Amino acid sequence: MPNYRIIVDISDRMLYLLDNDIVVRGFPVGIGKMLTQTPVGTFAIVNKAPNPGGPFGAYWVGLSKPHYGIHGTDDPSSIGKEVSHGCIRMYNPDVIELARIVPIGTSVTIRQ
């Protein structure tokens, strides 16, 4: 049985999916702006919702820090940039794939 965890590297603007300590996928992400930076720390996935509406793209993956999550975007040109209000943005096909793989409770470490 896989033992998934996620590492978001803010400086690389990448989200890494690990099984134990082996990186199985890497995804480019958009991150928070200077004034609304992505929080650093270790959180857990607490909910998942397809088609959440608004600017959140195809999927919302909520974190244990309220109001923060990993989500799709209706603006794919924002990936790789400092654009969000602190959330982690992914391309819609990527966030759908991630949401299908990781269960609720998965650890998410966000680091500089």
Protein backbone atom coordinates (compact mmCIF):
# COMPACT_ATOMS: atom_id res chain seq x y z
CA MET A 1 0.00 0.00 0.00
CA PRO A 2 1.46 3.39 -0.94
CA ASN A 3 2.51 5.81 1.77
CA TYR A 4 2.00 9.17 0.07
CA ARG A 5 3.10 12.59 1.23
CA ILE A 6 3.44 15.92 -0.53
CA ILE A 7 6.26 18.45 -0.43
CA VAL A 8 5.70 21.90 -1.90
CA ASP A 9 8.98 23.68 -2.56
CA ILE A 10 8.22 27.40 -2.77
CA SER A 11 11.62 28.39 -4.18
CA ASP A 12 11.36 25.76 -6.96
CA ARG A 13 7.63 26.45 -7.45
CA MET A 14 7.13 22.69 -7.56
CA LEU A 15 4.87 20.20 -5.80
CA TYR A 16 6.41 16.79 -5.29
CA LEU A 17 4.38 13.65 -4.63
CA LEU A 18 6.36 11.09 -2.66
CA ASP A 19 5.68 7.46 -1.83
CA ASN A 20 7.71 6.91 1.33
CA ASP A 21 10.85 8.88 0.40
CA ILE A 22 10.72 8.35 -3.36
CA VAL A 23 9.49 11.17 -5.60
CA VAL A 24 6.89 9.67 -7.94
CA ARG A 25 5.71 12.90 -9.59
CA GLY A 26 6.63 16.55 -9.76
CA PHE A 27 4.14 19.26 -10.73
CA PRO A 28 4.75 22.98 -11.44
CA VAL A 29 2.72 25.27 -9.17
CA GLY A 30 1.80 28.90 -8.66
CA ILE A 31 2.31 30.31 -5.16
CA GLY A 32 1.31 33.24 -2.97
CA LYS A 33 2.21 36.85 -3.69
CA MET A 34 4.61 38.89 -1.56
CA LEU A 35 1.76 40.26 0.58
CA THR A 36 -0.20 37.00 0.73
CA GLN A 37 2.54 34.41 0.93
CA THR A 38 1.99 30.68 0.96
CA PRO A 39 2.26 29.48 4.57
CA VAL A 40 5.27 27.35 5.47
CA GLY A 41 4.83 24.30 7.67
CA THR A 42 3.35 20.83 7.76
CA PHE A 43 -0.37 20.42 7.21
CA ALA A 44 -2.76 17.63 6.24
CA ILE A 45 -5.35 17.25 3.51
CA VAL A 46 -8.74 17.62 5.18
CA ASN A 47 -11.17 17.64 2.24
CA LYS A 48 -11.40 17.32 -1.53
CA ALA A 49 -14.02 18.75 -3.87
CA PRO A 50 -14.36 18.50 -7.65
CA ASN A 51 -15.51 21.61 -9.54
CA PRO A 52 -15.51 23.97 -6.53
CA GLY A 53 -16.43 26.98 -8.68
CA GLY A 54 -14.90 30.42 -8.87
CA PRO A 55 -11.18 30.73 -9.60
CA PHE A 56 -10.36 27.32 -8.08
CA GLY A 57 -10.36 25.38 -11.34
CA ALA A 58 -11.25 21.72 -11.62
CA TYR A 59 -10.52 20.60 -8.05
CA TRP A 60 -10.05 21.86 -4.50
CA VAL A 61 -7.82 19.96 -2.05
CA GLY A 62 -8.22 21.66 1.34
CA LEU A 63 -5.44 21.84 3.92
CA SER A 64 -5.66 21.72 7.71
CA LYS A 65 -4.77 25.43 7.73
CA PRO A 66 -8.22 27.03 7.23
CA HIS A 67 -8.81 28.81 3.91
CA TYR A 68 -5.68 27.31 2.31
CA GLY A 69 -5.53 24.57 -0.24
CA ILE A 70 -4.12 23.09 -3.38
CA HIS A 71 -6.39 23.80 -6.33
CA GLY A 72 -6.69 24.15 -10.07
CA THR A 73 -6.93 27.48 -11.83
CA ASP A 74 -8.96 29.20 -14.51
CA ASP A 75 -5.73 31.03 -15.49
CA PRO A 76 -3.08 28.48 -16.55
CA SER A 77 -0.60 31.30 -17.29
CA SER A 78 -0.36 31.87 -13.50
CA ILE A 79 1.44 28.56 -12.89
CA GLY A 80 5.07 29.13 -11.92
CA LYS A 81 4.39 32.66 -10.67
CA GLU A 82 3.73 34.43 -7.37
CA VAL A 83 0.07 35.21 -7.93
CA SER A 84 -2.25 33.62 -5.37
CA HIS A 85 -3.56 34.69 -1.97
CA GLY A 86 -1.44 31.94 -0.42
CA CYS A 87 -2.89 28.81 -1.98
CA ILE A 88 -0.98 26.38 -4.18
CA ARG A 89 -2.22 26.56 -7.79
CA MET A 90 -1.86 23.70 -10.25
CA TYR A 91 -2.82 23.04 -13.84
CA ASN A 92 -6.33 21.52 -13.85
CA PRO A 93 -5.27 18.10 -15.26
CA ASP A 94 -2.49 17.94 -12.63
CA VAL A 95 -4.72 18.75 -9.65
CA ILE A 96 -7.30 16.19 -10.82
CA GLU A 97 -4.57 13.54 -11.03
CA LEU A 98 -3.20 14.49 -7.60
CA ALA A 99 -6.65 14.49 -5.97
CA ARG A 100 -7.36 11.01 -7.33
CA ILE A 101 -4.10 9.63 -5.90
CA VAL A 102 -3.82 11.10 -2.40
CA PRO A 103 -6.25 10.27 0.40
CA ILE A 104 -7.61 12.67 2.99
CA GLY A 105 -5.09 12.82 5.83
CA THR A 106 -2.07 12.96 3.51
CA SER A 107 0.76 15.09 4.95
CA VAL A 108 1.63 18.28 3.03
CA THR A 109 4.92 19.99 3.89
CA ILE A 110 5.40 23.49 2.48
CA ARG A 111 8.98 24.72 2.59
CA GLN A 112 10.92 27.75 1.36
